[in-house]
Amino acid sequence: MISKKTALPFLFFLPFFWLGCLEIAPPVAPTLSVSPLENQNISKKKQVTFYVKGTDVEDIVSFELLSTPAIFKIDSTFAPFTHKVDFQITLIFPEVTNVPEDSTIYLDFYLGNAELKARQTRILRIIKSSPEIISTIAILSDPPGGNFFYSTKTSLSYGYLSAENAIIDFAFLYSPDYGYMLCSPDAPFLSTTLTEGGQSYSTSAKNHTKFELRNVSWGSIEENYLNEALIVDNAIAGNALLGSGIVNLAASQIILFQTSDGRKGALKVESTTKSGKVLTLTVKVQKTS
């Protein structure tokens, strides 16, 4: 039997006894998601954006991004008891770097506190930087005889006598029966068919341009597409002795080309009329090779 004198101290310590028996839940690491989920290709003059989300954040939480090799490093600390974090990170890749092309960068994303951290990893593959593309619309109309030349450097058309050899990339010939055809300026076919003002055409010292008809959507022709494109030279009427070119140009045709200085591009035939001698093209071409 407990006396009244001893009952009060016993009751005073009883709550602490029960508290000692309770289990304290271990800390839980926050969840971390990083999108996009896929590893990515990136060139040295591009940028890449990641979307980071964290949940179950119940304490002061830090975010850290580290890369191997050490190109990128980000440290952030979030206010306590935020419970959720949601932000985006844009990494701008420096053009001047010791990381060679066709190598990989490992990105490690960390979210947590001193005791527990969640981790996600993404891989960037460094690809060759693609030259910038310029896009122009060329409306090429009735020069004398319907024949003319075009330069992708100047985005201008030239007549037979005013064409400068160093800048000409395309030669267009007109026939009332077949409409327009496209030739490389050095195509032997031109020297046998093209005469203007009593002056025969010479292929000497003319640029060579490769042409290939391609079944592809115009919108898909972007920097990486052209950079990786292997252009197969198309012979005029299937005869290599005539030179490179495409006969019977028609609306909606897409033709890939590569100039003598190595620049790649594409032209789309928007419209052409046999009777009016008018040819409208859209041209995409790399600024540099």
Protein backbone atom coordinates (compact mmCIF):
# COMPACT_ATOMS: atom_id res chain seq x y z
CA MET A 1 0.00 0.00 0.00
CA ILE A 2 1.37 3.44 -1.09
CA SER A 3 1.09 6.11 1.55
CA LYS A 4 -0.10 9.61 0.74
CA LYS A 5 3.40 10.95 1.36
CA THR A 6 4.96 8.75 -1.31
CA ALA A 7 2.10 8.93 -3.89
CA LEU A 8 2.78 12.45 -5.09
CA PRO A 9 6.44 11.95 -6.08
CA PHE A 10 5.48 8.72 -7.86
CA LEU A 11 2.78 10.44 -9.87
CA PHE A 12 5.19 13.29 -10.72
CA PHE A 13 7.69 10.94 -12.40
CA LEU A 14 5.08 8.80 -14.15
CA PRO A 15 4.68 11.05 -17.30
CA PHE A 16 8.44 11.02 -17.82
CA PHE A 17 8.44 7.24 -17.60
CA TRP A 18 5.87 6.98 -20.38
CA LEU A 19 7.66 9.54 -22.53
CA GLY A 20 10.80 7.45 -22.26
CA CYS A 21 8.94 4.47 -23.64
CA LEU A 22 7.79 6.31 -26.79
CA GLU A 23 9.79 5.73 -30.00
CA ILE A 24 11.03 8.84 -31.80
CA ALA A 25 10.47 8.53 -35.54
CA PRO A 26 13.70 8.68 -37.56
CA PRO A 27 14.12 11.63 -39.95
CA VAL A 28 12.77 11.06 -43.43
CA ALA A 29 14.67 12.24 -46.48
CA PRO A 30 12.70 14.45 -48.84
CA THR A 31 11.71 13.11 -52.22
CA LEU A 32 13.41 14.61 -55.25
CA SER A 33 12.31 14.63 -58.88
CA VAL A 34 14.23 16.12 -61.78
CA SER A 35 12.82 16.53 -65.27
CA PRO A 36 13.39 15.88 -68.08
CA LEU A 37 14.02 12.29 -67.13
CA GLU A 38 16.20 11.55 -70.17
CA ASN A 39 19.89 12.23 -70.52
CA GLN A 40 20.56 14.96 -73.08
CA ASN A 41 22.90 16.07 -75.83
CA ILE A 42 24.20 19.62 -75.66
CA SER A 43 26.67 21.70 -77.66
CA LYS A 44 29.09 24.17 -76.17
CA LYS A 45 27.05 27.22 -77.12
CA LYS A 46 23.68 25.94 -75.91
CA GLN A 47 21.84 25.84 -72.60
CA VAL A 48 19.76 23.20 -70.86
CA THR A 49 16.96 23.63 -68.30
CA PHE A 50 15.99 21.22 -65.51
CA TYR A 51 12.84 21.35 -63.37
CA VAL A 52 13.40 20.33 -59.77
CA LYS A 53 10.70 19.39 -57.27
CA GLY A 54 10.99 18.26 -53.65
CA THR A 55 8.38 17.15 -51.14
CA ASP A 56 8.30 16.10 -47.45
CA VAL A 57 10.62 18.98 -46.65
CA GLU A 58 10.25 19.46 -42.89
CA ASP A 59 13.42 21.19 -41.88
CA ILE A 60 16.03 23.55 -43.21
CA VAL A 61 16.89 21.94 -46.51
CA SER A 62 19.76 22.52 -48.89
CA PHE A 63 19.94 21.91 -52.62
CA GLU A 64 23.20 21.20 -54.36
CA LEU A 65 24.15 20.56 -57.97
CA LEU A 66 27.59 19.23 -58.72
CA SER A 67 29.06 18.17 -62.04
CA THR A 68 31.87 15.85 -63.02
CA PRO A 69 34.04 17.33 -64.44
CA ALA A 70 33.57 20.44 -62.29
CA ILE A 71 31.92 22.90 -64.68
CA PHE A 72 28.66 23.58 -62.86
CA LYS A 73 28.10 24.09 -59.11
CA ILE A 74 24.99 25.47 -57.43
CA ASP A 75 24.24 25.74 -53.69
CA SER A 76 20.90 26.92 -52.29
CA THR A 77 19.28 26.83 -48.85
CA PHE A 78 15.52 26.92 -48.39
CA ALA A 79 13.60 28.34 -45.41
CA PRO A 80 12.55 25.83 -42.72
CA PHE A 81 9.16 24.12 -42.77
CA THR A 82 8.46 24.91 -46.42
CA HIS A 83 7.33 21.31 -47.04
CA LYS A 84 7.68 21.73 -50.83
CA VAL A 85 10.25 23.16 -53.20
CA ASP A 86 9.61 23.73 -56.89
CA PHE A 87 12.05 25.60 -59.13
CA GLN A 88 13.97 25.44 -62.38
CA ILE A 89 17.67 25.62 -63.17
CA THR A 90 19.09 26.74 -66.50
CA LEU A 91 22.67 25.73 -67.15
CA ILE A 92 24.43 27.80 -69.79
CA PHE A 93 27.30 25.81 -71.18
CA PRO A 94 30.47 27.87 -71.64
CA GLU A 95 31.83 27.79 -75.17
CA VAL A 96 35.41 27.87 -73.90
CA THR A 97 35.98 24.79 -71.79
CA ASN A 98 38.46 21.98 -71.41
CA VAL A 99 35.76 19.37 -71.94
CA PRO A 100 36.22 17.94 -75.44
CA GLU A 101 33.37 17.19 -77.80
CA ASP A 102 31.87 13.69 -77.69
CA SER A 103 32.51 13.44 -73.95
CA THR A 104 30.07 13.25 -71.02
CA ILE A 105 29.25 15.39 -68.00
CA TYR A 106 27.62 13.84 -64.95
CA LEU A 107 25.20 16.05 -63.02
CA ASP A 108 24.32 15.10 -59.44
CA PHE A 109 21.30 16.79 -57.84
CA TYR A 110 21.06 16.65 -54.03
CA LEU A 111 18.17 17.75 -51.80
CA GLY A 112 18.09 17.22 -48.05
CA ASN A 113 19.70 18.15 -44.76
CA ALA A 114 22.87 17.23 -42.95
CA GLU A 115 21.58 13.75 -42.11
CA LEU A 116 19.64 12.61 -45.16
CA LYS A 117 19.76 13.61 -48.80
CA ALA A 118 17.91 12.52 -51.89
CA ARG A 119 19.94 12.25 -55.09
CA GLN A 120 19.23 12.26 -58.82
CA THR A 121 21.78 11.96 -61.64
CA ARG A 122 21.61 13.14 -65.24
CA ILE A 123 24.15 12.82 -68.03
CA LEU A 124 24.96 15.44 -70.67
CA ARG A 125 26.75 14.32 -73.81
CA ILE A 126 28.78 17.06 -75.45
CA ILE A 127 28.23 17.16 -79.20
CA LYS A 128 29.81 19.24 -81.92
CA SER A 129 28.61 22.83 -81.96
CA SER A 130 26.45 23.37 -85.01
CA PRO A 131 26.88 26.50 -87.11
CA GLU A 132 24.06 29.01 -86.96
CA ILE A 133 21.47 28.78 -89.73
CA ILE A 134 20.19 31.73 -91.70
CA SER A 135 16.90 31.48 -93.56
CA THR A 136 15.92 33.59 -96.56
CA ILE A 137 13.16 33.69 -99.15
CA ALA A 138 14.41 34.18 -102.68
CA ILE A 139 11.99 35.36 -105.36
CA LEU A 140 13.83 34.74 -108.59
CA SER A 141 12.16 36.23 -111.64
CA ASP A 142 12.69 36.71 -115.35
CA PRO A 143 16.34 37.54 -116.04
CA PRO A 144 17.34 37.47 -119.73
CA GLY A 145 16.61 34.00 -121.09
CA GLY A 146 15.24 32.83 -117.76
CA ASN A 147 18.67 31.60 -116.63
CA PHE A 148 20.31 32.97 -113.50
CA PHE A 149 22.70 32.24 -110.65
CA TYR A 150 22.32 32.45 -106.88
CA SER A 151 24.71 33.02 -103.95
CA THR A 152 23.97 31.71 -100.46
CA LYS A 153 26.56 34.17 -99.10
CA THR A 154 24.64 37.23 -100.30
CA SER A 155 21.12 35.73 -100.65
CA LEU A 156 20.94 37.40 -104.07
CA SER A 157 20.40 36.23 -107.64
CA TYR A 158 22.68 37.23 -110.50
CA GLY A 159 22.46 37.37 -114.26
CA TYR A 160 24.71 35.42 -116.59
CA LEU A 161 27.29 38.15 -117.16
CA SER A 162 27.30 39.67 -113.66
CA ALA A 163 27.84 36.45 -111.73
CA GLU A 164 31.06 36.36 -109.73
CA ASN A 165 32.62 32.93 -109.64
CA ALA A 166 33.71 33.07 -106.01
CA ILE A 167 30.24 33.62 -104.56
CA ILE A 168 27.95 31.61 -106.86
CA ASP A 169 26.53 28.36 -105.44
CA PHE A 170 23.49 27.59 -107.65
CA ALA A 171 22.88 27.79 -111.39
CA PHE A 172 19.27 27.75 -112.62
CA LEU A 173 18.37 26.97 -116.21
CA TYR A 174 14.96 27.55 -117.72
CA SER A 175 13.24 25.52 -120.44
CA PRO A 176 9.76 26.35 -121.76
CA ASP A 177 9.06 22.62 -121.94
CA TYR A 178 10.33 21.51 -118.53
CA GLY A 179 10.53 24.67 -116.44
CA TYR A 180 13.52 25.14 -114.16
CA MET A 181 16.43 22.87 -113.33
CA LEU A 182 19.13 23.37 -110.69
CA CYS A 183 22.83 22.76 -111.38
CA SER A 184 26.17 23.09 -109.69
CA PRO A 185 28.07 26.04 -111.21
CA ASP A 186 30.83 23.67 -112.37
CA ALA A 187 28.49 21.17 -114.08
CA PRO A 188 29.83 20.26 -117.55
CA PHE A 189 26.23 20.24 -118.76
CA LEU A 190 26.19 24.05 -118.53
CA SER A 191 29.09 24.55 -120.94
CA THR A 192 27.24 22.65 -123.66
CA THR A 193 23.83 24.30 -123.23
CA LEU A 194 24.32 27.78 -121.80
CA THR A 195 25.26 30.63 -124.12
CA GLU A 196 24.36 34.25 -123.63
CA GLY A 197 25.32 37.36 -125.61
CA GLY A 198 27.46 35.23 -127.90
CA GLN A 199 29.55 34.15 -124.92
CA SER A 200 29.76 30.46 -124.02
CA TYR A 201 29.73 29.37 -120.41
CA SER A 202 32.97 28.03 -118.96
CA THR A 203 33.05 25.72 -115.96
CA SER A 204 36.65 26.65 -115.21
CA ALA A 205 37.23 27.90 -111.66
CA LYS A 206 33.52 27.53 -110.78
CA ASN A 207 32.33 26.29 -107.41
CA HIS A 208 31.08 22.74 -106.94
CA THR A 209 27.82 22.34 -105.01
CA LYS A 210 26.34 18.99 -104.06
CA PHE A 211 22.56 18.54 -104.37
CA GLU A 212 20.29 15.78 -103.07
CA LEU A 213 16.51 15.49 -103.16
CA ARG A 214 15.38 14.57 -99.66
CA ASN A 215 12.00 13.34 -98.42
CA VAL A 216 11.89 15.24 -95.13
CA SER A 217 9.68 17.83 -93.48
CA TRP A 218 10.90 21.41 -93.80
CA GLY A 219 10.45 22.04 -90.08
CA SER A 220 12.79 19.21 -89.13
CA ILE A 221 15.75 20.79 -90.92
CA GLU A 222 17.55 22.43 -88.01
CA GLU A 223 21.13 22.85 -86.82
CA ASN A 224 21.73 19.27 -85.70
CA TYR A 225 19.99 17.81 -88.75
CA LEU A 226 22.24 19.69 -91.16
CA ASN A 227 25.34 19.12 -89.06
CA GLU A 228 24.86 15.35 -89.21
CA ALA A 229 23.52 15.15 -92.77
CA LEU A 230 25.55 13.15 -95.28
CA ILE A 231 24.67 14.66 -98.64
CA VAL A 232 24.95 12.34 -101.65
CA ASP A 233 25.62 14.17 -104.90
CA ASN A 234 22.76 13.77 -107.38
CA ALA A 235 23.85 13.49 -111.02
CA ILE A 236 21.88 15.39 -113.66
CA ALA A 237 19.51 12.90 -115.35
CA GLY A 238 21.46 10.13 -113.63
CA ASN A 239 24.58 10.88 -115.71
CA ALA A 240 27.64 11.81 -113.66
CA LEU A 241 29.33 13.23 -116.76
CA LEU A 242 26.74 16.02 -116.85
CA GLY A 243 27.54 17.15 -113.31
CA SER A 244 25.53 17.69 -110.12
CA GLY A 245 21.95 18.92 -110.30
CA ILE A 246 18.19 18.38 -110.13
CA VAL A 247 15.96 18.53 -113.21
CA ASN A 248 12.29 19.55 -113.40
CA LEU A 249 11.97 21.53 -110.18
CA ALA A 250 8.47 21.28 -108.71
CA ALA A 251 6.62 22.92 -105.84
CA SER A 252 7.17 21.41 -102.36
CA GLN A 253 10.45 19.73 -103.30
CA ILE A 254 13.16 19.88 -100.62
CA ILE A 255 16.76 19.72 -101.77
CA LEU A 256 19.75 19.45 -99.44
CA PHE A 257 22.98 21.00 -100.61
CA GLN A 258 26.59 21.45 -99.58
CA THR A 259 28.63 24.34 -100.95
CA SER A 260 32.26 24.15 -102.03
CA ASP A 261 33.37 25.71 -98.72
CA GLY A 262 31.58 23.00 -96.73
CA ARG A 263 28.44 24.84 -95.61
CA LYS A 264 25.29 22.73 -95.61
CA GLY A 265 21.76 23.87 -96.24
CA ALA A 266 18.40 23.13 -97.76
CA LEU A 267 16.13 24.80 -100.24
CA LYS A 268 12.41 24.37 -100.63
CA VAL A 269 10.65 25.07 -103.91
CA GLU A 270 7.67 27.18 -102.87
CA SER A 271 6.31 27.74 -106.37
CA THR A 272 7.37 27.68 -109.99
CA THR A 273 5.65 28.58 -113.24
CA LYS A 274 6.84 27.55 -116.69
CA SER A 275 5.17 30.36 -118.60
CA GLY A 276 6.04 33.20 -116.21
CA LYS A 277 9.64 32.19 -115.57
CA VAL A 278 9.20 32.78 -111.86
CA LEU A 279 10.75 30.56 -109.19
CA THR A 280 10.21 31.14 -105.45
CA LEU A 281 12.48 29.36 -102.97
CA THR A 282 13.06 29.32 -99.24
CA VAL A 283 16.71 28.71 -98.37
CA LYS A 284 18.28 27.61 -95.07
CA VAL A 285 22.05 27.59 -94.92
CA GLN A 286 24.77 27.46 -92.29
CA LYS A 287 26.70 30.69 -91.79
CA THR A 288 29.93 28.74 -91.49
CA SER A 289 31.01 25.18 -92.19
